[in-house]
Amino acid sequence: KQWYQRRVRGSGEACEHSNIPLSITCDPPSKIRITHAVYGVYSNENTCGKAYYGEGTCIFETSFTVMQERCDGQDTCQAYASNFLFDNPCGATEKYLTTSWDCVLQLGDCFSPIFF
């Protein structure tokens, strides 16, 4: 594992069908490290005004992995809230992407991250 020094923490949302991506930028030499990501309707309290009242959950289960693979280690990253990128977890319900990240400096090999 790598040790990291966190520089900046951020979060944001992108709404399906808005044509506005979730944009993440870290000032060099910091790199993006995704800490949380969900595509679907994670909570009925969101900036997109989306709600889900159907049976079961409306979450694409591997959202976090998709965002990690797309953004981790980059200076900048964009992702649209779309079924093309994440698959469709709940039919015709309009969804959103919510993501949190840290901008980190990689310090070297070790056992766990350090945060300041």
C-alpha atoms as a PDB file:
ATOM      1  CA  LYS A   1       0.000   0.000   0.000  1.00  0.00           C
ATOM      2  CA  GLN A   2       0.965   3.609  -0.423  1.00  0.00           C
ATOM      3  CA  TRP A   3       1.175   6.437   2.104  1.00  0.00           C
ATOM      4  CA  TYR A   4      -0.590   9.621   1.118  1.00  0.00           C
ATOM      5  CA  GLN A   5      -0.760  13.122   2.418  1.00  0.00           C
ATOM      6  CA  ARG A   6      -4.202  14.606   1.851  1.00  0.00           C
ATOM      7  CA  ARG A   7      -4.204  18.138   0.501  1.00  0.00           C
ATOM      8  CA  VAL A   8      -7.797  18.886  -0.494  1.00  0.00           C
ATOM      9  CA  ARG A   9     -11.102  17.056  -0.007  1.00  0.00           C
ATOM     10  CA  GLY A  10     -13.980  17.531  -2.423  1.00  0.00           C
ATOM     11  CA  SER A  11     -17.394  16.199  -3.366  1.00  0.00           C
ATOM     12  CA  GLY A  12     -19.948  16.744  -6.068  1.00  0.00           C
ATOM     13  CA  GLU A  13     -22.956  15.471  -7.980  1.00  0.00           C
ATOM     14  CA  ALA A  14     -23.854  15.136 -11.646  1.00  0.00           C
ATOM     15  CA  CYS A  15     -27.443  14.676 -12.796  1.00  0.00           C
ATOM     16  CA  GLU A  16     -28.514  12.208 -15.476  1.00  0.00           C
ATOM     17  CA  HIS A  17     -29.658  13.898 -18.731  1.00  0.00           C
ATOM     18  CA  SER A  18     -28.118  17.255 -17.723  1.00  0.00           C
ATOM     19  CA  ASN A  19     -25.165  16.981 -20.148  1.00  0.00           C
ATOM     20  CA  ILE A  20     -23.032  18.465 -17.366  1.00  0.00           C
ATOM     21  CA  PRO A  21     -20.305  16.120 -16.098  1.00  0.00           C
ATOM     22  CA  LEU A  22     -18.993  15.771 -12.593  1.00  0.00           C
ATOM     23  CA  SER A  23     -15.579  17.443 -12.884  1.00  0.00           C
ATOM     24  CA  ILE A  24     -12.716  16.780 -10.503  1.00  0.00           C
ATOM     25  CA  THR A  25      -9.460  18.744 -10.554  1.00  0.00           C
ATOM     26  CA  CYS A  26      -6.426  18.504  -8.302  1.00  0.00           C
ATOM     27  CA  ASP A  27      -3.599  21.013  -8.520  1.00  0.00           C
ATOM     28  CA  PRO A  28      -0.341  19.263  -9.505  1.00  0.00           C
ATOM     29  CA  PRO A  29       1.527  17.505  -8.098  1.00  0.00           C
ATOM     30  CA  SER A  30      -1.548  16.253  -6.183  1.00  0.00           C
ATOM     31  CA  LYS A  31      -3.508  13.366  -7.674  1.00  0.00           C
ATOM     32  CA  ILE A  32      -7.146  12.293  -7.362  1.00  0.00           C
ATOM     33  CA  ARG A  33      -8.073   9.508  -4.975  1.00  0.00           C
ATOM     34  CA  ILE A  34     -11.784   8.577  -5.002  1.00  0.00           C
ATOM     35  CA  THR A  35     -13.150   7.953  -1.486  1.00  0.00           C
ATOM     36  CA  HIS A  36     -16.863   7.423  -2.261  1.00  0.00           C
ATOM     37  CA  ALA A  37     -19.009   7.091  -5.381  1.00  0.00           C
ATOM     38  CA  VAL A  38     -22.598   6.025  -6.041  1.00  0.00           C
ATOM     39  CA  TYR A  39     -24.641   6.110  -9.246  1.00  0.00           C
ATOM     40  CA  GLY A  40     -28.402   5.772  -8.956  1.00  0.00           C
ATOM     41  CA  VAL A  41     -30.583   7.400  -6.309  1.00  0.00           C
ATOM     42  CA  TYR A  42     -28.481   7.111  -3.159  1.00  0.00           C
ATOM     43  CA  SER A  43     -30.644   9.460  -1.099  1.00  0.00           C
ATOM     44  CA  ASN A  44     -33.828  11.354  -1.881  1.00  0.00           C
ATOM     45  CA  GLU A  45     -31.989  14.455  -0.613  1.00  0.00           C
ATOM     46  CA  ASN A  46     -29.775  15.511  -3.523  1.00  0.00           C
ATOM     47  CA  THR A  47     -29.094  18.562  -5.658  1.00  0.00           C
ATOM     48  CA  CYS A  48     -30.612  16.921  -8.742  1.00  0.00           C
ATOM     49  CA  GLY A  49     -34.084  16.688  -7.203  1.00  0.00           C
ATOM     50  CA  LYS A  50     -34.277  12.950  -7.950  1.00  0.00           C
ATOM     51  CA  ALA A  51     -36.242  10.497  -5.828  1.00  0.00           C
ATOM     52  CA  TYR A  52     -36.782   6.743  -5.888  1.00  0.00           C
ATOM     53  CA  TYR A  53     -39.825   5.091  -4.359  1.00  0.00           C
ATOM     54  CA  GLY A  54     -39.620   1.697  -6.076  1.00  0.00           C
ATOM     55  CA  GLU A  55     -38.924  -1.745  -4.674  1.00  0.00           C
ATOM     56  CA  GLY A  56     -35.380  -2.563  -3.563  1.00  0.00           C
ATOM     57  CA  THR A  57     -32.444  -0.263  -4.194  1.00  0.00           C
ATOM     58  CA  CYS A  58     -31.609   2.061  -7.052  1.00  0.00           C
ATOM     59  CA  ILE A  59     -27.805   1.895  -6.873  1.00  0.00           C
ATOM     60  CA  PHE A  60     -25.258   0.616  -9.368  1.00  0.00           C
ATOM     61  CA  GLU A  61     -23.221  -1.586  -7.014  1.00  0.00           C
ATOM     62  CA  THR A  62     -19.792  -1.072  -8.625  1.00  0.00           C
ATOM     63  CA  SER A  63     -19.980   2.744  -8.934  1.00  0.00           C
ATOM     64  CA  PHE A  64     -17.016   3.170  -6.588  1.00  0.00           C
ATOM     65  CA  THR A  65     -14.824   0.821  -8.631  1.00  0.00           C
ATOM     66  CA  VAL A  66     -15.804   2.502 -11.919  1.00  0.00           C
ATOM     67  CA  MET A  67     -14.853   5.929 -10.554  1.00  0.00           C
ATOM     68  CA  GLN A  68     -11.609   4.636  -9.024  1.00  0.00           C
ATOM     69  CA  GLU A  69     -10.551   3.095 -12.338  1.00  0.00           C
ATOM     70  CA  ARG A  70     -11.523   6.241 -14.221  1.00  0.00           C
ATOM     71  CA  CYS A  71     -10.047   8.899 -11.911  1.00  0.00           C
ATOM     72  CA  ASP A  72      -7.529   7.632  -9.335  1.00  0.00           C
ATOM     73  CA  GLY A  73      -4.013   8.931 -10.001  1.00  0.00           C
ATOM     74  CA  GLN A  74      -5.174  11.616 -12.474  1.00  0.00           C
ATOM     75  CA  ASP A  75      -4.899  15.420 -12.181  1.00  0.00           C
ATOM     76  CA  THR A  76      -8.364  15.902 -13.689  1.00  0.00           C
ATOM     77  CA  CYS A  77     -11.317  13.647 -14.350  1.00  0.00           C
ATOM     78  CA  GLN A  78     -14.826  13.986 -15.726  1.00  0.00           C
ATOM     79  CA  ALA A  79     -17.736  11.570 -15.533  1.00  0.00           C
ATOM     80  CA  TYR A  80     -21.294  11.917 -16.769  1.00  0.00           C
ATOM     81  CA  ALA A  81     -24.184  10.466 -14.800  1.00  0.00           C
ATOM     82  CA  SER A  82     -25.227   8.024 -17.498  1.00  0.00           C
ATOM     83  CA  ASN A  83     -26.332   4.446 -17.958  1.00  0.00           C
ATOM     84  CA  PHE A  84     -23.638   4.168 -20.636  1.00  0.00           C
ATOM     85  CA  LEU A  85     -20.878   4.505 -18.030  1.00  0.00           C
ATOM     86  CA  PHE A  86     -22.545   2.837 -15.033  1.00  0.00           C
ATOM     87  CA  ASP A  87     -25.352   0.589 -16.366  1.00  0.00           C
ATOM     88  CA  ASN A  88     -28.983   1.095 -15.347  1.00  0.00           C
ATOM     89  CA  PRO A  89     -29.790   0.081 -11.757  1.00  0.00           C
ATOM     90  CA  CYS A  90     -33.486   1.038 -11.760  1.00  0.00           C
ATOM     91  CA  GLY A  91     -35.204   1.395 -15.124  1.00  0.00           C
ATOM     92  CA  ALA A  92     -36.754   4.707 -16.111  1.00  0.00           C
ATOM     93  CA  THR A  93     -35.947   6.468 -12.819  1.00  0.00           C
ATOM     94  CA  GLU A  94     -33.673   9.492 -13.358  1.00  0.00           C
ATOM     95  CA  LYS A  95     -30.429   9.010 -11.501  1.00  0.00           C
ATOM     96  CA  TYR A  96     -27.379  10.971 -10.389  1.00  0.00           C
ATOM     97  CA  LEU A  97     -23.719  10.382  -9.614  1.00  0.00           C
ATOM     98  CA  THR A  98     -22.424  11.483  -6.226  1.00  0.00           C
ATOM     99  CA  THR A  99     -18.689  11.297  -5.575  1.00  0.00           C
ATOM    100  CA  SER A 100     -16.189  12.318  -2.901  1.00  0.00           C
ATOM    101  CA  TRP A 101     -12.439  12.512  -3.399  1.00  0.00           C
ATOM    102  CA  ASP A 102      -9.176  13.618  -1.890  1.00  0.00           C
ATOM    103  CA  CYS A 103      -6.349  15.354  -3.712  1.00  0.00           C
ATOM    104  CA  VAL A 104      -3.278  13.594  -2.357  1.00  0.00           C
ATOM    105  CA  LEU A 105       0.491  13.589  -2.580  1.00  0.00           C
ATOM    106  CA  GLN A 106       1.967  10.105  -2.738  1.00  0.00           C
ATOM    107  CA  LEU A 107       4.714   9.782  -0.143  1.00  0.00           C
ATOM    108  CA  GLY A 108       5.900   6.197  -0.599  1.00  0.00           C
ATOM    109  CA  ASP A 109       5.328   2.552   0.195  1.00  0.00           C
ATOM    110  CA  CYS A 110       3.865   1.626   3.584  1.00  0.00           C
ATOM    111  CA  PHE A 111       0.919   0.009   5.290  1.00  0.00           C
ATOM    112  CA  SER A 112      -1.763   2.701   5.571  1.00  0.00           C
ATOM    113  CA  PRO A 113      -2.561   6.271   4.503  1.00  0.00           C
ATOM    114  CA  ILE A 114      -1.769   9.208   6.742  1.00  0.00           C
ATOM    115  CA  PHE A 115      -4.116  12.167   6.858  1.00  0.00           C
ATOM    116  CA  PHE A 116      -3.519  15.677   8.095  1.00  0.00           C
END
